[in-house]
Amino acid sequence: MTTPSGTPRRAPAGAAVLREDVTEAIRAAVFEELATVGFARMSIEGIARRAGVGKTAVYRRWKSKLSLVLDLVGALAVQGLPAPATGTLYGDVRALLEVASRALRHPVASQVIPDLLVEAVRNPEIAEAIKAALFDGRQGVVAQVVREAVARGELPEDTDPDRALDLIVGPLYWRLAVVRTETPKGYLDELARAAVAGLRG
């Protein structure tokens, strides 16, 4: 912007634009800090150091580590999970399990998710953000899978989407996030068949 005399005009003090590359560096640092030390021990100082920025760069964007984590978890909810469209109930369930398995095996997610679930017991704000990010979106996707299966005649009309979500994702979450054991070859195929049988039963 220029003045009438043609001289470039400076932006008003305090109106600096937040650089997106710095914001993304901070977000990446948060995930790494959560995976390394957990929410309770995570600090703005540690996040700033890992991101290679000053603490003021973090505080300029978020007022606390809680608001930062809530923002990141909320962003995961917005991204959503695309509903599979394989044309069969088994194919859709198997596709959902594949996506969930990859997410739960991710080195950062495997540390961050269980830690945040523990914090959610003590903090209602985190609990609500986790519910929106991890459960509400998947609930909507599974509900769509159920509706389409009902329309094809593969499931009865009274099939409960919440029960479907439990049957499809529950055993996988237990194995990968709670017990933390590897899935043997063919496990997802067997789990998909068992989930479909349970839904039809």
C-alpha atoms as a PDB file:
ATOM      1  CA  MET A   1       0.000   0.000   0.000  1.00  0.00           C
ATOM      2  CA  THR A   2       1.299   3.528  -0.798  1.00  0.00           C
ATOM      3  CA  THR A   3       0.557   7.041   0.403  1.00  0.00           C
ATOM      4  CA  PRO A   4      -0.702   9.733  -2.035  1.00  0.00           C
ATOM      5  CA  SER A   5       2.944  10.797  -2.513  1.00  0.00           C
ATOM      6  CA  GLY A   6       3.847   7.307  -3.669  1.00  0.00           C
ATOM      7  CA  THR A   7       5.790   6.381  -0.530  1.00  0.00           C
ATOM      8  CA  PRO A   8       5.170   2.803   0.711  1.00  0.00           C
ATOM      9  CA  ARG A   9       3.008   2.779   3.835  1.00  0.00           C
ATOM     10  CA  ARG A  10       4.012   0.617   6.759  1.00  0.00           C
ATOM     11  CA  ALA A  11       1.507  -1.713   8.365  1.00  0.00           C
ATOM     12  CA  PRO A  12       0.242  -0.384  11.704  1.00  0.00           C
ATOM     13  CA  ALA A  13       2.109  -1.604  14.778  1.00  0.00           C
ATOM     14  CA  GLY A  14       0.629  -4.814  16.161  1.00  0.00           C
ATOM     15  CA  ALA A  15      -0.959  -5.757  12.837  1.00  0.00           C
ATOM     16  CA  ALA A  16       1.715  -8.230  11.758  1.00  0.00           C
ATOM     17  CA  VAL A  17       0.370 -11.180   9.803  1.00  0.00           C
ATOM     18  CA  LEU A  18       0.955 -14.539  11.474  1.00  0.00           C
ATOM     19  CA  ARG A  19       3.202 -16.605   9.237  1.00  0.00           C
ATOM     20  CA  GLU A  20       1.589 -19.896   8.283  1.00  0.00           C
ATOM     21  CA  ASP A  21       4.922 -21.761   8.161  1.00  0.00           C
ATOM     22  CA  VAL A  22       5.570 -20.800  11.788  1.00  0.00           C
ATOM     23  CA  THR A  23       2.053 -21.858  12.782  1.00  0.00           C
ATOM     24  CA  GLU A  24       2.522 -25.255  11.113  1.00  0.00           C
ATOM     25  CA  ALA A  25       5.925 -25.696  12.783  1.00  0.00           C
ATOM     26  CA  ILE A  26       4.306 -25.076  16.160  1.00  0.00           C
ATOM     27  CA  ARG A  27       1.489 -27.531  15.440  1.00  0.00           C
ATOM     28  CA  ALA A  28       3.990 -30.219  14.436  1.00  0.00           C
ATOM     29  CA  ALA A  29       5.992 -29.507  17.590  1.00  0.00           C
ATOM     30  CA  VAL A  30       2.882 -29.970  19.738  1.00  0.00           C
ATOM     31  CA  PHE A  31       2.254 -33.456  18.366  1.00  0.00           C
ATOM     32  CA  GLU A  32       5.902 -34.363  18.917  1.00  0.00           C
ATOM     33  CA  GLU A  33       5.858 -32.997  22.473  1.00  0.00           C
ATOM     34  CA  LEU A  34       2.644 -34.851  23.270  1.00  0.00           C
ATOM     35  CA  ALA A  35       4.153 -38.086  21.978  1.00  0.00           C
ATOM     36  CA  THR A  36       7.385 -37.541  23.892  1.00  0.00           C
ATOM     37  CA  VAL A  37       6.359 -36.147  27.299  1.00  0.00           C
ATOM     38  CA  GLY A  38       2.533 -36.260  27.383  1.00  0.00           C
ATOM     39  CA  PHE A  39       0.039 -33.465  28.009  1.00  0.00           C
ATOM     40  CA  ALA A  40       0.734 -33.079  31.740  1.00  0.00           C
ATOM     41  CA  ARG A  41       4.470 -32.429  31.256  1.00  0.00           C
ATOM     42  CA  MET A  42       4.149 -30.544  27.996  1.00  0.00           C
ATOM     43  CA  SER A  43       5.088 -26.859  28.211  1.00  0.00           C
ATOM     44  CA  ILE A  44       4.947 -23.811  25.965  1.00  0.00           C
ATOM     45  CA  GLU A  45       8.718 -23.511  26.415  1.00  0.00           C
ATOM     46  CA  GLY A  46       9.268 -27.050  25.161  1.00  0.00           C
ATOM     47  CA  ILE A  47       6.935 -26.530  22.206  1.00  0.00           C
ATOM     48  CA  ALA A  48       8.673 -23.287  21.222  1.00  0.00           C
ATOM     49  CA  ARG A  49      12.116 -24.870  21.519  1.00  0.00           C
ATOM     50  CA  ARG A  50      11.117 -27.852  19.364  1.00  0.00           C
ATOM     51  CA  ALA A  51       9.499 -25.550  16.767  1.00  0.00           C
ATOM     52  CA  GLY A  52      12.550 -23.283  16.685  1.00  0.00           C
ATOM     53  CA  VAL A  53      10.582 -20.170  17.665  1.00  0.00           C
ATOM     54  CA  GLY A  54      10.243 -17.920  20.699  1.00  0.00           C
ATOM     55  CA  LYS A  55       7.502 -18.395  23.301  1.00  0.00           C
ATOM     56  CA  THR A  56       5.846 -15.192  22.121  1.00  0.00           C
ATOM     57  CA  ALA A  57       5.242 -16.799  18.710  1.00  0.00           C
ATOM     58  CA  VAL A  58       3.206 -19.503  20.454  1.00  0.00           C
ATOM     59  CA  TYR A  59       1.334 -17.135  22.784  1.00  0.00           C
ATOM     60  CA  ARG A  60       0.517 -14.874  19.830  1.00  0.00           C
ATOM     61  CA  ARG A  61      -1.547 -17.765  18.429  1.00  0.00           C
ATOM     62  CA  TRP A  62      -2.796 -19.610  21.535  1.00  0.00           C
ATOM     63  CA  LYS A  63      -3.243 -18.410  25.115  1.00  0.00           C
ATOM     64  CA  SER A  64      -2.291 -21.720  26.758  1.00  0.00           C
ATOM     65  CA  LYS A  65      -1.223 -25.276  26.031  1.00  0.00           C
ATOM     66  CA  LEU A  66      -4.818 -26.401  26.607  1.00  0.00           C
ATOM     67  CA  SER A  67      -6.217 -24.033  23.962  1.00  0.00           C
ATOM     68  CA  LEU A  68      -3.439 -25.166  21.613  1.00  0.00           C
ATOM     69  CA  VAL A  69      -4.237 -28.852  22.035  1.00  0.00           C
ATOM     70  CA  LEU A  70      -7.984 -28.215  21.762  1.00  0.00           C
ATOM     71  CA  ASP A  71      -7.382 -26.354  18.509  1.00  0.00           C
ATOM     72  CA  LEU A  72      -5.342 -29.236  17.075  1.00  0.00           C
ATOM     73  CA  VAL A  73      -7.851 -31.876  18.123  1.00  0.00           C
ATOM     74  CA  GLY A  74     -10.655 -29.751  16.675  1.00  0.00           C
ATOM     75  CA  ALA A  75      -8.766 -29.541  13.380  1.00  0.00           C
ATOM     76  CA  LEU A  76      -8.710 -33.336  13.223  1.00  0.00           C
ATOM     77  CA  ALA A  77     -12.486 -33.369  13.567  1.00  0.00           C
ATOM     78  CA  VAL A  78     -12.882 -30.907  10.692  1.00  0.00           C
ATOM     79  CA  GLN A  79     -10.734 -33.050   8.397  1.00  0.00           C
ATOM     80  CA  GLY A  80     -13.187 -35.886   8.802  1.00  0.00           C
ATOM     81  CA  LEU A  81     -12.980 -39.427   7.477  1.00  0.00           C
ATOM     82  CA  PRO A  82     -14.234 -40.188   3.957  1.00  0.00           C
ATOM     83  CA  ALA A  83     -16.913 -42.851   3.844  1.00  0.00           C
ATOM     84  CA  PRO A  84     -15.906 -45.923   1.830  1.00  0.00           C
ATOM     85  CA  ALA A  85     -18.033 -46.855  -1.152  1.00  0.00           C
ATOM     86  CA  THR A  86     -16.980 -50.354  -2.170  1.00  0.00           C
ATOM     87  CA  GLY A  87     -20.512 -51.544  -2.936  1.00  0.00           C
ATOM     88  CA  THR A  88     -20.602 -54.221  -0.229  1.00  0.00           C
ATOM     89  CA  LEU A  89     -20.880 -54.165   3.545  1.00  0.00           C
ATOM     90  CA  TYR A  90     -17.807 -56.356   3.953  1.00  0.00           C
ATOM     91  CA  GLY A  91     -15.784 -54.134   1.612  1.00  0.00           C
ATOM     92  CA  ASP A  92     -16.813 -50.980   3.460  1.00  0.00           C
ATOM     93  CA  VAL A  93     -16.050 -52.475   6.884  1.00  0.00           C
ATOM     94  CA  ARG A  94     -12.685 -53.766   5.674  1.00  0.00           C
ATOM     95  CA  ALA A  95     -11.823 -50.322   4.275  1.00  0.00           C
ATOM     96  CA  LEU A  96     -12.746 -48.645   7.584  1.00  0.00           C
ATOM     97  CA  LEU A  97     -10.544 -51.086   9.478  1.00  0.00           C
ATOM     98  CA  GLU A  98      -7.629 -50.426   7.141  1.00  0.00           C
ATOM     99  CA  VAL A  99      -7.824 -46.660   7.711  1.00  0.00           C
ATOM    100  CA  ALA A 100      -8.242 -47.062  11.476  1.00  0.00           C
ATOM    101  CA  SER A 101      -5.362 -49.521  11.646  1.00  0.00           C
ATOM    102  CA  ARG A 102      -2.989 -47.169   9.827  1.00  0.00           C
ATOM    103  CA  ALA A 103      -4.004 -44.270  12.087  1.00  0.00           C
ATOM    104  CA  LEU A 104      -3.606 -46.231  15.327  1.00  0.00           C
ATOM    105  CA  ARG A 105      -0.208 -47.589  14.258  1.00  0.00           C
ATOM    106  CA  HIS A 106       1.146 -44.133  13.457  1.00  0.00           C
ATOM    107  CA  PRO A 107       4.049 -43.552  15.889  1.00  0.00           C
ATOM    108  CA  VAL A 108       2.750 -40.159  17.029  1.00  0.00           C
ATOM    109  CA  ALA A 109      -0.943 -41.084  17.192  1.00  0.00           C
ATOM    110  CA  SER A 110      -0.186 -44.258  19.141  1.00  0.00           C
ATOM    111  CA  GLN A 111       1.318 -42.102  21.911  1.00  0.00           C
ATOM    112  CA  VAL A 112      -0.898 -39.018  21.711  1.00  0.00           C
ATOM    113  CA  ILE A 113      -4.374 -40.564  21.628  1.00  0.00           C
ATOM    114  CA  PRO A 114      -4.090 -42.716  24.794  1.00  0.00           C
ATOM    115  CA  ASP A 115      -2.506 -39.810  26.695  1.00  0.00           C
ATOM    116  CA  LEU A 116      -5.267 -37.387  25.705  1.00  0.00           C
ATOM    117  CA  LEU A 117      -7.924 -39.932  26.643  1.00  0.00           C
ATOM    118  CA  VAL A 118      -6.429 -40.076  30.132  1.00  0.00           C
ATOM    119  CA  GLU A 119      -6.467 -36.276  30.330  1.00  0.00           C
ATOM    120  CA  ALA A 120     -10.064 -36.254  29.097  1.00  0.00           C
ATOM    121  CA  VAL A 121     -11.149 -37.975  32.317  1.00  0.00           C
ATOM    122  CA  ARG A 122      -9.919 -34.930  34.266  1.00  0.00           C
ATOM    123  CA  ASN A 123     -10.747 -32.173  31.786  1.00  0.00           C
ATOM    124  CA  PRO A 124     -14.244 -31.799  30.259  1.00  0.00           C
ATOM    125  CA  GLU A 125     -12.945 -29.502  27.491  1.00  0.00           C
ATOM    126  CA  ILE A 126     -10.461 -32.092  26.297  1.00  0.00           C
ATOM    127  CA  ALA A 127     -13.132 -34.786  26.617  1.00  0.00           C
ATOM    128  CA  GLU A 128     -15.488 -32.845  24.345  1.00  0.00           C
ATOM    129  CA  ALA A 129     -12.752 -32.117  21.796  1.00  0.00           C
ATOM    130  CA  ILE A 130     -11.671 -35.776  21.746  1.00  0.00           C
ATOM    131  CA  LYS A 131     -15.263 -36.905  21.283  1.00  0.00           C
ATOM    132  CA  ALA A 132     -15.704 -34.567  18.315  1.00  0.00           C
ATOM    133  CA  ALA A 133     -12.383 -35.507  16.722  1.00  0.00           C
ATOM    134  CA  LEU A 134     -12.261 -39.255  17.291  1.00  0.00           C
ATOM    135  CA  PHE A 135     -15.833 -40.432  17.666  1.00  0.00           C
ATOM    136  CA  ASP A 136     -18.436 -38.115  16.145  1.00  0.00           C
ATOM    137  CA  GLY A 137     -16.908 -38.122  12.673  1.00  0.00           C
ATOM    138  CA  ARG A 138     -16.443 -41.889  12.616  1.00  0.00           C
ATOM    139  CA  GLN A 139     -19.946 -42.345  13.970  1.00  0.00           C
ATOM    140  CA  GLY A 140     -21.274 -40.403  10.993  1.00  0.00           C
ATOM    141  CA  VAL A 141     -19.240 -42.472   8.536  1.00  0.00           C
ATOM    142  CA  VAL A 142     -20.359 -45.766  10.070  1.00  0.00           C
ATOM    143  CA  ALA A 143     -23.973 -44.549  10.065  1.00  0.00           C
ATOM    144  CA  GLN A 144     -23.654 -43.933   6.314  1.00  0.00           C
ATOM    145  CA  VAL A 145     -22.163 -47.393   5.790  1.00  0.00           C
ATOM    146  CA  VAL A 146     -25.097 -48.884   7.710  1.00  0.00           C
ATOM    147  CA  ARG A 147     -27.685 -46.877   5.731  1.00  0.00           C
ATOM    148  CA  GLU A 148     -26.225 -48.025   2.425  1.00  0.00           C
ATOM    149  CA  ALA A 149     -26.043 -51.640   3.593  1.00  0.00           C
ATOM    150  CA  VAL A 150     -29.691 -51.453   4.658  1.00  0.00           C
ATOM    151  CA  ALA A 151     -30.623 -50.006   1.255  1.00  0.00           C
ATOM    152  CA  ARG A 152     -28.845 -52.935  -0.457  1.00  0.00           C
ATOM    153  CA  GLY A 153     -30.652 -55.413   1.760  1.00  0.00           C
ATOM    154  CA  GLU A 154     -27.465 -56.527   3.531  1.00  0.00           C
ATOM    155  CA  LEU A 155     -28.592 -55.391   6.983  1.00  0.00           C
ATOM    156  CA  PRO A 156     -31.970 -55.162   8.742  1.00  0.00           C
ATOM    157  CA  GLU A 157     -33.562 -51.727   8.943  1.00  0.00           C
ATOM    158  CA  ASP A 158     -33.234 -51.550  12.733  1.00  0.00           C
ATOM    159  CA  THR A 159     -29.430 -51.897  12.699  1.00  0.00           C
ATOM    160  CA  ASP A 160     -27.951 -49.543  15.320  1.00  0.00           C
ATOM    161  CA  PRO A 161     -25.044 -47.427  13.944  1.00  0.00           C
ATOM    162  CA  ASP A 162     -23.594 -46.998  17.456  1.00  0.00           C
ATOM    163  CA  ARG A 163     -23.432 -50.762  17.921  1.00  0.00           C
ATOM    164  CA  ALA A 164     -21.899 -51.028  14.466  1.00  0.00           C
ATOM    165  CA  LEU A 165     -19.146 -48.588  15.438  1.00  0.00           C
ATOM    166  CA  ASP A 166     -18.412 -50.618  18.574  1.00  0.00           C
ATOM    167  CA  LEU A 167     -18.238 -53.874  16.631  1.00  0.00           C
ATOM    168  CA  ILE A 168     -16.086 -52.523  13.827  1.00  0.00           C
ATOM    169  CA  VAL A 169     -13.534 -50.331  15.592  1.00  0.00           C
ATOM    170  CA  GLY A 170     -13.679 -51.479  19.234  1.00  0.00           C
ATOM    171  CA  PRO A 171     -11.642 -54.701  18.935  1.00  0.00           C
ATOM    172  CA  LEU A 172      -9.008 -53.019  16.761  1.00  0.00           C
ATOM    173  CA  TYR A 173      -8.620 -50.103  19.186  1.00  0.00           C
ATOM    174  CA  TRP A 174      -8.303 -52.531  22.087  1.00  0.00           C
ATOM    175  CA  ARG A 175      -5.559 -54.483  20.331  1.00  0.00           C
ATOM    176  CA  LEU A 176      -3.501 -51.577  18.983  1.00  0.00           C
ATOM    177  CA  ALA A 177      -4.036 -48.794  21.549  1.00  0.00           C
ATOM    178  CA  VAL A 178      -4.668 -50.665  24.816  1.00  0.00           C
ATOM    179  CA  VAL A 179      -2.972 -54.067  24.645  1.00  0.00           C
ATOM    180  CA  ARG A 180      -0.486 -52.800  22.012  1.00  0.00           C
ATOM    181  CA  THR A 181       0.102 -56.037  20.152  1.00  0.00           C
ATOM    182  CA  GLU A 182       0.731 -56.412  16.445  1.00  0.00           C
ATOM    183  CA  THR A 183      -1.975 -57.641  14.092  1.00  0.00           C
ATOM    184  CA  PRO A 184      -1.105 -60.972  12.435  1.00  0.00           C
ATOM    185  CA  LYS A 185      -1.495 -61.463   8.710  1.00  0.00           C
ATOM    186  CA  GLY A 186      -5.162 -61.675   7.709  1.00  0.00           C
ATOM    187  CA  TYR A 187      -6.338 -60.188  11.024  1.00  0.00           C
ATOM    188  CA  LEU A 188      -8.222 -57.286   9.450  1.00  0.00           C
ATOM    189  CA  ASP A 189      -9.969 -59.656   7.034  1.00  0.00           C
ATOM    190  CA  GLU A 190     -11.068 -61.872   9.922  1.00  0.00           C
ATOM    191  CA  LEU A 191     -12.155 -58.879  11.968  1.00  0.00           C
ATOM    192  CA  ALA A 192     -14.189 -57.498   9.066  1.00  0.00           C
ATOM    193  CA  ARG A 193     -15.937 -60.841   8.616  1.00  0.00           C
ATOM    194  CA  ALA A 194     -16.656 -61.083  12.341  1.00  0.00           C
ATOM    195  CA  ALA A 195     -18.037 -57.521  12.455  1.00  0.00           C
ATOM    196  CA  VAL A 196     -20.305 -58.163   9.465  1.00  0.00           C
ATOM    197  CA  ALA A 197     -21.541 -61.421  11.023  1.00  0.00           C
ATOM    198  CA  GLY A 198     -22.219 -59.622  14.306  1.00  0.00           C
ATOM    199  CA  LEU A 199     -24.186 -56.876  12.560  1.00  0.00           C
ATOM    200  CA  ARG A 200     -26.274 -59.379  10.633  1.00  0.00           C
ATOM    201  CA  GLY A 201     -26.876 -61.500  13.722  1.00  0.00           C
END
